Protein backbone atom coordinates (compact mmCIF):
# COMPACT_ATOMS: atom_id res chain seq x y z
CA MET A 1 -63.05 -88.82 77.75
CA ASN A 2 -63.64 -85.03 77.66
CA ARG A 3 -63.74 -83.39 74.22
CA PHE A 4 -60.79 -81.21 73.74
CA ASN A 5 -62.11 -77.69 74.00
CA GLU A 6 -59.12 -75.33 73.90
CA TYR A 7 -58.12 -73.35 70.98
CA ALA A 8 -54.93 -71.36 70.23
CA VAL A 9 -54.06 -68.43 67.92
CA VAL A 10 -50.48 -67.41 67.28
CA ASP A 11 -49.77 -64.10 65.67
CA LEU A 12 -46.38 -63.55 64.17
CA GLY A 13 -46.13 -59.79 64.01
CA SER A 14 -43.38 -57.52 62.84
CA ASN A 15 -42.82 -56.36 66.29
CA SER A 16 -43.89 -59.29 68.65
CA PHE A 17 -45.13 -62.74 68.47
CA HIS A 18 -48.33 -63.35 70.45
CA MET A 19 -50.03 -66.60 71.54
CA VAL A 20 -53.49 -66.69 72.99
CA ILE A 21 -55.21 -69.73 74.19
CA ALA A 22 -58.95 -69.82 74.92
CA ARG A 23 -61.51 -72.58 75.96
CA ILE A 24 -65.21 -72.73 75.15
CA ILE A 25 -67.38 -72.70 78.08
CA ASN A 26 -71.21 -72.99 77.51
CA GLY A 27 -70.55 -71.61 74.05
CA ALA A 28 -68.48 -68.55 75.16
CA GLU A 29 -64.73 -67.95 74.93
CA GLN A 30 -62.71 -67.87 78.01
CA ILE A 31 -59.11 -66.65 77.74
CA ILE A 32 -56.98 -69.01 79.86
CA TYR A 33 -53.38 -68.02 78.64
CA LYS A 34 -51.56 -65.22 76.80
CA ASN A 35 -47.88 -64.78 75.97
CA LYS A 36 -46.26 -62.03 74.24
CA ILE A 37 -42.53 -61.91 73.19
CA ASN A 38 -40.89 -59.01 71.58
CA ILE A 39 -38.98 -60.33 68.58
CA HIS A 40 -38.55 -57.10 66.52
CA LEU A 41 -38.59 -59.18 63.36
CA ALA A 42 -39.00 -56.17 61.26
CA THR A 43 -35.76 -54.59 62.73
CA GLY A 44 -33.90 -57.67 61.22
CA LEU A 45 -35.20 -56.78 57.64
CA LYS A 46 -32.36 -55.65 55.51
CA THR A 47 -32.44 -53.11 52.81
CA ASN A 48 -32.79 -55.94 50.29
CA ASN A 49 -35.77 -57.35 52.18
CA GLU A 50 -33.95 -60.43 53.49
CA LEU A 51 -34.14 -61.35 57.28
CA THR A 52 -31.01 -61.57 59.14
CA GLU A 53 -29.90 -65.02 60.57
CA SER A 54 -30.13 -63.46 64.06
CA SER A 55 -33.82 -62.35 63.54
CA ILE A 56 -34.73 -65.80 62.12
CA MET A 57 -33.19 -67.32 65.24
CA ARG A 58 -35.11 -65.04 67.63
CA GLY A 59 -38.33 -65.89 65.89
CA VAL A 60 -37.63 -69.75 65.79
CA GLU A 61 -36.58 -69.88 69.45
CA CYS A 62 -39.91 -68.11 70.45
CA LEU A 63 -41.90 -70.62 68.41
CA ALA A 64 -39.96 -73.42 70.09
CA LEU A 65 -41.21 -72.06 73.48
CA PHE A 66 -44.81 -71.71 72.10
CA ALA A 67 -44.65 -75.38 70.90
CA GLU A 68 -44.15 -76.48 74.37
CA ARG A 69 -47.37 -74.85 75.47
CA LEU A 70 -49.22 -76.20 72.58
CA ASN A 71 -48.17 -79.82 73.05
CA GLY A 72 -51.24 -82.08 72.63
CA PHE A 73 -53.30 -79.45 70.62
CA PRO A 74 -55.27 -81.08 67.65
CA PRO A 75 -53.87 -79.16 64.47
CA GLU A 76 -57.42 -78.04 63.73
CA HIS A 77 -57.52 -76.24 67.15
CA VAL A 78 -54.66 -73.99 66.36
CA ARG A 79 -54.15 -71.23 63.70
CA VAL A 80 -50.92 -69.42 63.09
CA VAL A 81 -50.82 -66.16 61.07
CA ALA A 82 -47.93 -64.16 59.95
CA THR A 83 -48.06 -60.60 58.76
CA HIS A 84 -46.13 -57.88 57.09
CA THR A 85 -42.32 -58.85 57.70
CA LEU A 86 -42.84 -62.36 56.59
CA ARG A 87 -44.99 -61.17 53.82
CA VAL A 88 -42.06 -59.15 52.27
CA ALA A 89 -39.18 -61.16 53.26
CA LYS A 90 -37.52 -62.57 50.19
CA ASN A 91 -35.95 -65.32 52.26
CA ARG A 92 -38.92 -66.24 54.33
CA HIS A 93 -38.68 -69.86 53.28
CA LYS A 94 -35.55 -69.97 55.58
CA PHE A 95 -37.78 -68.95 58.43
CA LEU A 96 -40.52 -71.31 57.65
CA MET A 97 -38.20 -74.20 57.16
CA ALA A 98 -36.25 -73.49 60.35
CA ALA A 99 -39.58 -72.99 62.34
CA ALA A 100 -41.02 -76.43 61.03
CA LYS A 101 -38.23 -78.21 62.80
CA VAL A 102 -39.36 -76.95 66.28
CA PHE A 103 -42.93 -75.97 65.74
CA PRO A 104 -45.50 -78.63 64.39
CA PHE A 105 -48.25 -76.20 63.33
CA PRO A 106 -48.57 -74.67 59.62
CA ILE A 107 -47.74 -70.91 59.49
CA GLU A 108 -50.11 -69.00 57.29
CA ILE A 109 -48.71 -65.74 55.75
CA ILE A 110 -51.84 -63.57 55.19
CA SER A 111 -52.11 -60.70 52.75
CA GLY A 112 -52.46 -57.11 54.05
CA GLN A 113 -55.95 -57.06 52.86
CA GLU A 114 -56.80 -60.30 54.63
CA GLU A 115 -55.13 -58.96 57.70
CA ALA A 116 -57.27 -55.84 57.47
CA ARG A 117 -60.52 -58.03 57.03
CA LEU A 118 -59.53 -60.14 60.10
CA ILE A 119 -58.78 -57.04 62.18
CA TYR A 120 -62.18 -55.52 61.21
CA LEU A 121 -64.02 -59.04 62.08
CA GLY A 122 -62.24 -59.00 65.50
CA THR A 123 -63.06 -55.44 66.26
CA MET A 124 -66.64 -55.60 65.28
CA THR A 125 -67.48 -58.83 67.01
CA ALA A 126 -66.45 -57.09 70.36
CA GLU A 127 -67.84 -53.37 69.89
CA SER A 128 -71.39 -52.36 69.87
CA THR A 129 -72.47 -49.86 67.39
CA SER A 130 -75.54 -48.57 65.69
CA PRO A 131 -76.89 -50.67 62.71
CA THR A 132 -76.74 -47.39 60.80
CA ASP A 133 -73.07 -46.59 61.53
CA THR A 134 -70.21 -46.54 58.94
CA LYS A 135 -67.29 -47.88 60.97
CA LEU A 136 -63.58 -47.36 60.34
CA VAL A 137 -60.88 -49.52 61.96
CA ILE A 138 -57.19 -48.43 62.00
CA ASP A 139 -54.38 -50.87 63.20
CA ILE A 140 -50.82 -49.70 63.25
CA GLY A 141 -48.50 -52.67 63.40
CA GLY A 142 -44.75 -53.12 63.56
CA GLY A 143 -44.38 -53.19 59.61
CA SER A 144 -47.62 -52.11 58.13
CA THR A 145 -50.88 -50.17 58.91
CA GLU A 146 -54.30 -51.86 58.03
CA ILE A 147 -57.46 -49.84 57.45
CA ALA A 148 -61.04 -51.14 57.04
CA ILE A 149 -64.42 -49.66 56.71
CA GLY A 150 -67.69 -51.41 56.86
CA LYS A 151 -71.42 -50.64 57.45
CA GLY A 152 -74.11 -51.74 59.81
CA ASN A 153 -74.02 -55.12 61.29
CA ASP A 154 -72.26 -56.82 58.52
CA LEU A 155 -68.95 -58.32 59.82
CA THR A 156 -67.45 -58.12 56.22
CA PRO A 157 -65.85 -54.72 55.51
CA LEU A 158 -66.57 -52.93 52.39
CA ILE A 159 -62.98 -51.51 51.87
CA VAL A 160 -59.74 -52.94 53.20
CA ALA A 161 -56.11 -51.74 52.78
CA SER A 162 -52.79 -52.22 53.95
CA ARG A 163 -49.82 -49.76 53.63
CA PRO A 164 -46.27 -50.44 54.32
CA MET A 165 -45.82 -48.27 57.28
CA GLY A 166 -45.38 -49.48 60.86
CA CYS A 167 -43.85 -48.25 64.10
CA VAL A 168 -40.69 -50.49 63.79
CA THR A 169 -39.98 -49.71 60.15
CA TYR A 170 -40.67 -45.77 60.58
CA THR A 171 -38.41 -45.86 63.60
CA LYS A 172 -35.63 -47.16 61.40
CA GLN A 173 -36.43 -44.71 58.69
CA PHE A 174 -37.05 -41.50 60.52
CA PHE A 175 -35.73 -41.99 64.11
CA TYR A 176 -32.79 -44.12 63.55
CA GLU A 177 -30.75 -42.79 66.65
CA GLN A 178 -34.06 -42.69 68.72
CA THR A 179 -33.89 -39.01 69.40
CA ILE A 180 -36.87 -36.89 69.00
CA ASP A 181 -37.23 -33.62 67.09
CA ALA A 182 -40.26 -31.82 65.37
CA VAL A 183 -38.66 -32.00 61.87
CA SER A 184 -38.42 -35.80 61.96
CA PHE A 185 -41.80 -36.13 63.46
CA GLN A 186 -43.35 -34.07 60.76
CA GLN A 187 -41.51 -35.93 57.95
CA ALA A 188 -42.80 -39.31 59.32
CA LYS A 189 -46.37 -37.89 59.65
CA LEU A 190 -46.25 -36.60 56.05
CA ALA A 191 -44.92 -39.91 54.82
CA ALA A 192 -47.89 -41.51 56.51
CA GLU A 193 -50.35 -39.24 54.84
CA GLN A 194 -48.75 -39.69 51.46
CA GLN A 195 -49.10 -43.63 51.82
CA ILE A 196 -52.96 -43.12 52.04
CA GLU A 197 -53.17 -40.28 49.64
CA SER A 198 -54.95 -42.19 47.07
CA MET A 199 -57.58 -43.43 49.59
CA ILE A 200 -58.42 -40.14 51.30
CA SER A 201 -61.18 -38.88 49.01
CA ARG A 202 -62.88 -42.26 48.88
CA LEU A 203 -62.76 -42.85 52.60
CA LYS A 204 -64.21 -39.37 53.39
CA LYS A 205 -67.15 -39.98 51.03
CA MET A 206 -68.08 -43.01 53.23
CA ASN A 207 -69.16 -40.44 56.02
CA ILE A 208 -67.47 -42.41 58.84
CA THR A 209 -69.66 -42.23 61.97
CA ALA A 210 -67.63 -44.44 64.31
CA ALA A 211 -63.76 -44.81 64.46
CA PHE A 212 -61.73 -47.40 66.29
CA GLY A 213 -58.22 -48.03 66.75
CA THR A 214 -56.47 -51.32 67.78
CA SER A 215 -53.11 -52.72 68.70
CA GLY A 216 -49.97 -51.32 70.52
CA THR A 217 -49.54 -47.72 69.27
CA ILE A 218 -53.13 -46.79 69.70
CA LYS A 219 -53.43 -48.69 72.85
CA SER A 220 -50.44 -46.61 74.19
CA ILE A 221 -51.99 -43.37 73.09
CA TYR A 222 -55.23 -44.36 74.87
CA HIS A 223 -53.37 -45.24 78.12
CA ILE A 224 -51.33 -42.13 78.07
CA LEU A 225 -54.55 -39.87 77.73
CA LEU A 226 -55.61 -41.73 80.86
CA ASP A 227 -52.43 -40.93 82.59
CA LEU A 228 -52.97 -37.25 81.60
CA GLY A 229 -56.51 -37.38 83.14
CA VAL A 230 -58.68 -37.78 80.05
CA SER A 231 -61.35 -40.07 81.73
CA ASP A 232 -62.99 -41.52 78.65
CA GLY A 233 -59.67 -42.06 76.72
CA ILE A 234 -61.25 -41.02 73.47
CA ILE A 235 -58.78 -39.43 71.00
CA THR A 236 -59.95 -36.12 69.62
CA PRO A 237 -57.95 -33.60 67.40
CA LYS A 238 -57.23 -31.39 70.30
CA ARG A 239 -56.08 -34.18 72.66
CA LEU A 240 -53.99 -35.68 70.00
CA ASP A 241 -52.33 -32.37 69.39
CA ASP A 242 -51.78 -31.96 72.95
CA LEU A 243 -50.17 -35.24 73.44
CA ILE A 244 -47.77 -34.64 70.45
CA SER A 245 -46.75 -31.44 72.00
CA TYR A 246 -45.89 -33.19 75.23
CA VAL A 247 -43.93 -35.91 73.47
CA LEU A 248 -41.94 -33.43 71.44
CA GLU A 249 -40.68 -31.89 74.55
CA PHE A 250 -38.64 -34.95 75.28
CA LYS A 251 -35.28 -35.35 73.63
CA ALA A 252 -34.81 -39.04 73.20
CA PHE A 253 -37.26 -42.16 73.28
CA ASN A 254 -35.94 -43.30 76.66
CA ASP A 255 -36.90 -40.03 78.29
CA ILE A 256 -40.54 -40.19 77.55
CA ASN A 257 -42.01 -40.60 80.94
CA TYR A 258 -45.71 -41.75 81.27
CA PRO A 259 -46.68 -44.47 83.87
CA SER A 260 -48.42 -46.74 81.25
CA LEU A 261 -45.55 -46.55 78.46
CA SER A 262 -43.38 -49.73 78.90
CA LYS A 263 -39.77 -49.61 78.06
CA GLU A 264 -40.22 -51.84 75.03
CA ARG A 265 -42.94 -49.54 73.69
CA LYS A 266 -40.83 -46.50 74.08
CA LYS A 267 -38.58 -47.97 71.32
CA VAL A 268 -41.36 -47.50 68.74
CA PHE A 269 -43.99 -45.17 70.18
CA VAL A 270 -43.07 -41.92 68.53
CA SER A 271 -42.94 -43.34 65.03
CA GLY A 272 -46.46 -45.09 65.62
CA LEU A 273 -47.70 -41.71 67.03
CA ALA A 274 -46.61 -39.95 63.81
CA ILE A 275 -48.22 -42.61 61.54
CA PHE A 276 -51.50 -42.38 63.57
CA SER A 277 -51.54 -38.50 63.57
CA GLY A 278 -50.98 -38.52 59.72
CA ILE A 279 -53.92 -40.89 59.16
CA PHE A 280 -56.21 -39.14 61.72
CA ASN A 281 -55.66 -35.73 60.42
CA ALA A 282 -55.78 -36.71 56.67
CA LEU A 283 -59.18 -38.35 57.29
CA GLY A 284 -60.47 -35.37 59.30
CA LEU A 285 -61.55 -37.78 62.11
CA GLN A 286 -63.18 -36.02 65.09
CA ALA A 287 -63.14 -38.90 67.63
CA LEU A 288 -61.64 -42.31 67.81
CA GLN A 289 -61.75 -44.81 70.63
CA PHE A 290 -59.46 -47.66 71.36
CA SER A 291 -60.63 -51.15 71.03
CA PRO A 292 -58.71 -54.11 72.66
CA CYS A 293 -59.83 -56.59 70.00
CA ALA A 294 -58.26 -57.00 66.61
CA LEU A 295 -56.43 -59.51 64.44
CA ARG A 296 -56.22 -62.30 67.10
CA GLU A 297 -59.73 -62.07 67.93
CA GLY A 298 -60.77 -62.10 64.19
CA VAL A 299 -58.73 -65.35 63.75
CA PHE A 300 -60.34 -66.84 66.81
CA TYR A 301 -63.81 -66.00 65.62
CA GLU A 302 -63.17 -67.93 62.32
CA LEU A 303 -61.16 -70.65 64.12
CA ILE A 304 -63.89 -71.53 66.38
CA ASP A 305 -66.76 -70.81 63.87
CA ARG A 306 -65.43 -72.86 60.84
CA PRO A 307 -68.76 -72.72 58.83
CA ASN A 308 -68.59 -68.88 58.69
CA TYR A 309 -65.02 -69.17 57.38
CA GLN A 310 -66.25 -71.34 54.50
CA ASP A 311 -68.92 -68.91 53.82
CA ILE A 312 -66.55 -66.09 53.23
CA ARG A 313 -64.75 -68.04 50.65
CA LYS A 314 -68.01 -68.91 48.94
CA ASN A 315 -68.91 -65.12 48.94
CA THR A 316 -65.56 -64.35 47.37
CA ALA A 317 -66.01 -66.83 44.70
CA GLN A 318 -69.45 -65.61 43.90
CA SER A 319 -68.19 -62.21 43.73
CA LEU A 320 -65.57 -63.16 41.17
CA LEU A 321 -67.97 -65.20 39.15
CA GLU A 322 -70.32 -62.20 38.86
CA HIS A 323 -67.64 -59.52 38.26
CA TYR A 324 -65.92 -61.32 35.60
CA ASN A 325 -69.27 -62.63 33.98
CA ILE A 326 -68.17 -66.32 34.25
CA ASP A 327 -70.42 -68.94 32.63
CA GLN A 328 -71.74 -70.34 35.87
CA ARG A 329 -73.35 -73.43 34.48
CA HIS A 330 -70.09 -74.51 32.80
CA ALA A 331 -68.14 -73.67 36.05
CA LYS A 332 -70.50 -75.94 38.13
CA GLN A 333 -70.12 -78.70 35.53
CA VAL A 334 -66.31 -78.45 35.80
CA VAL A 335 -66.55 -78.69 39.58
CA LYS A 336 -68.77 -81.64 39.42
CA THR A 337 -66.29 -83.46 37.18
CA ALA A 338 -63.44 -82.41 39.44
CA LYS A 339 -65.30 -83.88 42.47
CA TYR A 340 -65.97 -87.18 40.54
CA LEU A 341 -62.30 -87.58 39.43
CA PHE A 342 -60.93 -86.67 42.68
CA SER A 343 -63.24 -89.35 44.54
CA GLN A 344 -61.99 -91.96 42.24
CA TRP A 345 -58.30 -90.86 42.66
CA GLN A 346 -58.57 -90.76 46.41
CA LYS A 347 -59.96 -94.23 46.70
CA GLN A 348 -56.85 -95.63 45.08
CA ALA A 349 -54.19 -93.34 46.17
CA PRO A 350 -51.77 -94.38 48.92
CA ILE A 351 -52.00 -90.92 50.49
CA THR A 352 -54.77 -88.75 51.65
CA ILE A 353 -55.12 -85.02 50.53
CA PRO A 354 -56.65 -82.92 53.31
CA PRO A 355 -60.00 -81.23 52.97
CA ASN A 356 -58.66 -77.75 53.03
CA LEU A 357 -56.43 -78.67 50.09
CA GLU A 358 -59.17 -80.37 48.28
CA SER A 359 -61.37 -77.44 48.46
CA ILE A 360 -58.78 -75.27 46.61
CA LEU A 361 -59.08 -77.80 43.62
CA TYR A 362 -62.78 -76.93 43.53
CA TRP A 363 -62.27 -73.08 43.70
CA ALA A 364 -59.92 -73.47 40.90
CA ALA A 365 -62.36 -75.36 38.81
CA GLN A 366 -64.94 -72.86 39.48
CA LEU A 367 -62.87 -69.73 38.81
CA HIS A 368 -60.49 -70.97 35.93
CA GLU A 369 -62.37 -68.76 33.37
CA VAL A 370 -61.93 -65.35 35.22
CA GLY A 371 -59.44 -64.31 32.59
CA LEU A 372 -61.79 -64.99 29.72
CA LYS A 373 -62.88 -61.29 30.12
CA ILE A 374 -59.39 -60.37 28.79
CA ASN A 375 -59.44 -62.87 25.79
CA PHE A 376 -59.27 -66.67 25.37
CA SER A 377 -55.74 -66.72 24.12
CA SER A 378 -53.57 -67.37 27.15
CA ILE A 379 -56.56 -67.51 29.46
CA HIS A 380 -54.66 -69.70 31.85
CA LYS A 381 -52.19 -66.81 32.27
CA HIS A 382 -54.75 -64.12 32.39
CA SER A 383 -56.76 -66.04 35.06
CA SER A 384 -53.84 -66.86 37.19
CA TYR A 385 -52.79 -63.19 37.26
CA ILE A 386 -56.17 -62.08 38.28
CA LEU A 387 -56.38 -64.52 41.05
CA GLN A 388 -52.90 -63.86 42.30
CA ASN A 389 -53.40 -60.11 42.41
CA SER A 390 -57.12 -59.76 43.65
CA ASN A 391 -58.26 -59.24 47.17
CA LEU A 392 -59.78 -62.72 47.98
CA PRO A 393 -61.23 -62.63 51.55
CA GLY A 394 -60.87 -66.06 53.40
CA PHE A 395 -57.84 -67.14 51.67
CA ASN A 396 -54.28 -66.85 53.07
CA GLU A 397 -51.31 -66.03 50.87
CA GLU A 398 -50.22 -69.56 50.05
CA GLN A 399 -53.95 -70.72 49.44
CA GLN A 400 -54.20 -67.87 46.98
CA LEU A 401 -50.87 -68.76 45.41
CA LEU A 402 -51.86 -72.28 45.00
CA LEU A 403 -55.25 -71.29 43.56
CA SER A 404 -53.38 -69.08 41.09
CA THR A 405 -50.80 -71.83 40.24
CA LEU A 406 -53.35 -74.61 39.66
CA VAL A 407 -55.24 -72.17 37.20
CA ARG A 408 -52.05 -71.14 35.56
CA TYR A 409 -51.29 -74.75 34.55
CA HIS A 410 -54.88 -75.83 33.68
CA ARG A 411 -53.94 -76.07 29.94
CA LYS A 412 -51.16 -76.08 27.53
CA SER A 413 -47.71 -76.91 28.58
CA ILE A 414 -46.41 -77.66 32.01
CA ASN A 415 -43.00 -76.33 33.45
CA ILE A 416 -42.74 -78.11 36.76
CA ASP A 417 -39.41 -76.17 37.39
CA GLU A 418 -41.49 -72.97 37.72
CA LEU A 419 -43.87 -74.01 40.56
CA PRO A 420 -43.41 -71.73 43.43
CA TYR A 421 -42.22 -72.81 46.85
CA PHE A 422 -45.02 -73.78 49.25
CA SER A 423 -44.56 -74.39 52.99
CA LEU A 424 -48.24 -75.42 53.63
CA PHE A 425 -48.73 -77.86 50.95
CA GLU A 426 -47.01 -80.96 49.67
CA TYR A 427 -45.51 -81.17 46.14
CA ARG A 428 -46.99 -84.47 45.42
CA HIS A 429 -50.49 -83.30 46.59
CA ILE A 430 -50.21 -80.30 44.32
CA ILE A 431 -49.28 -82.36 41.21
CA SER A 432 -52.18 -84.69 41.63
CA LEU A 433 -54.64 -81.69 42.08
CA MET A 434 -53.14 -80.09 38.86
CA GLN A 435 -53.70 -83.26 36.91
CA ILE A 436 -57.30 -83.68 38.12
CA LEU A 437 -58.13 -80.08 37.41
CA ARG A 438 -56.48 -80.33 33.77
CA LEU A 439 -58.64 -83.49 33.04
CA SER A 440 -61.84 -82.02 34.53
CA ILE A 441 -61.49 -78.80 32.36
CA LEU A 442 -60.57 -80.77 29.21
CA ILE A 443 -63.54 -83.20 29.50
CA ASN A 444 -65.75 -80.19 29.54
CA ASN A 445 -64.21 -78.26 26.68
CA GLN A 446 -67.30 -78.56 24.53
CA ARG A 447 -69.45 -77.19 27.22
CA ASN A 448 -71.95 -80.08 26.97
CA THR A 449 -73.74 -80.32 30.23
CA GLY A 450 -75.26 -83.75 29.27
CA ILE A 451 -71.81 -85.60 29.66
CA ASP A 452 -72.26 -88.94 31.32
CA LEU A 453 -69.26 -88.99 33.79
CA GLN A 454 -70.01 -92.68 34.68
CA ALA A 455 -68.54 -93.45 31.18
CA ILE A 456 -65.20 -92.44 32.42
CA GLN A 457 -63.18 -94.24 35.01
CA LEU A 458 -59.97 -92.94 36.43
CA LYS A 459 -57.29 -95.48 37.49
CA LEU A 460 -53.92 -95.07 39.03
CA LEU A 461 -51.14 -97.01 37.39
CA GLU A 462 -49.55 -99.35 40.17
CA ASN A 463 -50.35 -96.73 42.83
CA LYS A 464 -48.07 -94.01 41.03
CA LEU A 465 -49.67 -90.91 41.87
CA ALA A 466 -48.71 -89.09 38.60
CA LYS A 467 -49.45 -91.96 36.22
CA ILE A 468 -53.13 -92.02 35.33
CA THR A 469 -55.22 -94.12 33.15
CA LEU A 470 -58.64 -93.00 31.88
CA GLU A 471 -60.94 -96.00 30.78
CA ILE A 472 -63.56 -94.52 28.60
CA ASN A 473 -66.80 -96.22 27.31
CA GLN A 474 -66.78 -96.91 23.61
CA GLU A 475 -70.23 -95.35 23.03
CA PHE A 476 -69.14 -92.24 24.87
CA VAL A 477 -66.15 -91.98 22.44
CA GLU A 478 -68.27 -92.28 19.41
CA ASN A 479 -70.46 -89.35 20.62
CA ASN A 480 -67.55 -87.07 21.83
CA LYS A 481 -64.68 -87.59 19.22
CA LEU A 482 -63.40 -84.11 20.03
CA ILE A 483 -62.72 -84.94 23.61
CA LEU A 484 -60.67 -87.92 22.52
CA LEU A 485 -58.51 -85.69 20.22
CA ASP A 486 -58.11 -83.33 23.25
CA LEU A 487 -56.96 -86.07 25.34
CA ALA A 488 -54.36 -87.16 22.73
CA GLN A 489 -52.94 -83.81 22.72
CA GLU A 490 -53.06 -83.76 26.53
CA GLN A 491 -50.91 -87.04 26.52
CA LYS A 492 -48.26 -85.03 24.72
CA TYR A 493 -48.19 -82.37 27.24
CA TRP A 494 -47.70 -85.03 30.06
CA GLU A 495 -44.96 -87.03 28.11
CA VAL A 496 -42.43 -84.15 28.56
CA VAL A 497 -42.87 -84.05 32.47
CA ASP A 498 -40.82 -86.39 34.44
CA ASP A 499 -42.97 -89.13 36.02
CA TRP A 500 -46.28 -88.18 34.41
CA LYS A 501 -48.14 -90.39 32.21
CA LEU A 502 -51.64 -90.29 30.93
CA SER A 503 -53.02 -93.43 29.21
CA ILE A 504 -56.35 -93.79 27.38
CA VAL A 505 -58.08 -97.19 27.39
CA ILE A 506 -61.39 -97.52 25.33
CA SER A 507 -63.55 -100.28 26.69
């Protein structure tokens, strides 16, 4: 039986949904299938940031089609990422729940900064540049624009940013009737400049030496320049100004007449051009070239090269450890305890927690003290806030939210009703991880690295996941009386939560 060697990436964008399938031949990717369906999801986003039922239906119908092609794919060979519109949609759970009925693969909603990082990764794995270059990547999507800057051969950018301006949303805002006039174009362009105003000085100081643009808008600009006889397709200030002048001669979107511009792209091209022009001019760029590789290629790179993906999260955690001056010896001891307790729990549990979820327990154990820099009082709240609102490369939005949630409830009282909605993770798994994290941190409250973990045995009460017994050696208790007092207080916290129970047996 041949080893399955096909991989698929699905990108749920604000304008269109894409699916790309590749197989690995002699270590190299070979694209064997592509499908793009224009969903215009961002068009269905109402002023209150809720998706209309019709837009949800369009998206779900598309995923049902994609599911047919992905039938038989192992889950670990498929990665599905969703961007701006599903990031901001207040009722995205409706979309996710409807999608789950027809599409068997988990949908990851990634942050704008994570999207920018993946776009940079995808572009830089395809483009050859000088090791001394400072490289800028711009990607204008349907609902947001991502910007990333990096140096040399490092595939991890130094700066990532996402701004809520896209060709679909700006069409609704500035060109609602799809007519073209210089005033509307200028307003859209200035609005784009304003969105990156706070970044301009910092980006210019980076001394950009190579600039790339990706995705639909910039691809269209590139092809129109080729239509106009620009043989290299490189975008320069004069070529961009000339193109804008040509476009402004048309009266309506449908009138734009370039061989390479599709009917679908005409609906959003003018607004995308205005956004790009605003960024290009604000940063004082002199040349930018189109790159055909972006988000999907970045996701592919990490999907196929999983060890690299794990390294990114390790680097993220290490950066936080250093930035917030975390006691790394203590953090390692809490992680060690969490692994010990989880191993005992998993051997007895009637369910299996997947490795990608188990790993978040250990990141939480390692990073639970990031808020100590603010103060110890309410450290669980401070740490949770930092983890929820920081840029965490390698984590999608739900992974980051789960990390933040576990840390939020690592001590003090527990309000289960306040747990956020998760589409990627099961509630019963989250509860078990939360309990293990609380116990791991509590056992190490005294910061005694000499604790004998073998003196503590975790037992599940009648296979009830949330009912735990700790059997503790008598000698250990005599030498760690404060831990026993802490456990007694912990029992009281558990008592008020339905179906939770913590029992302590001294043997």
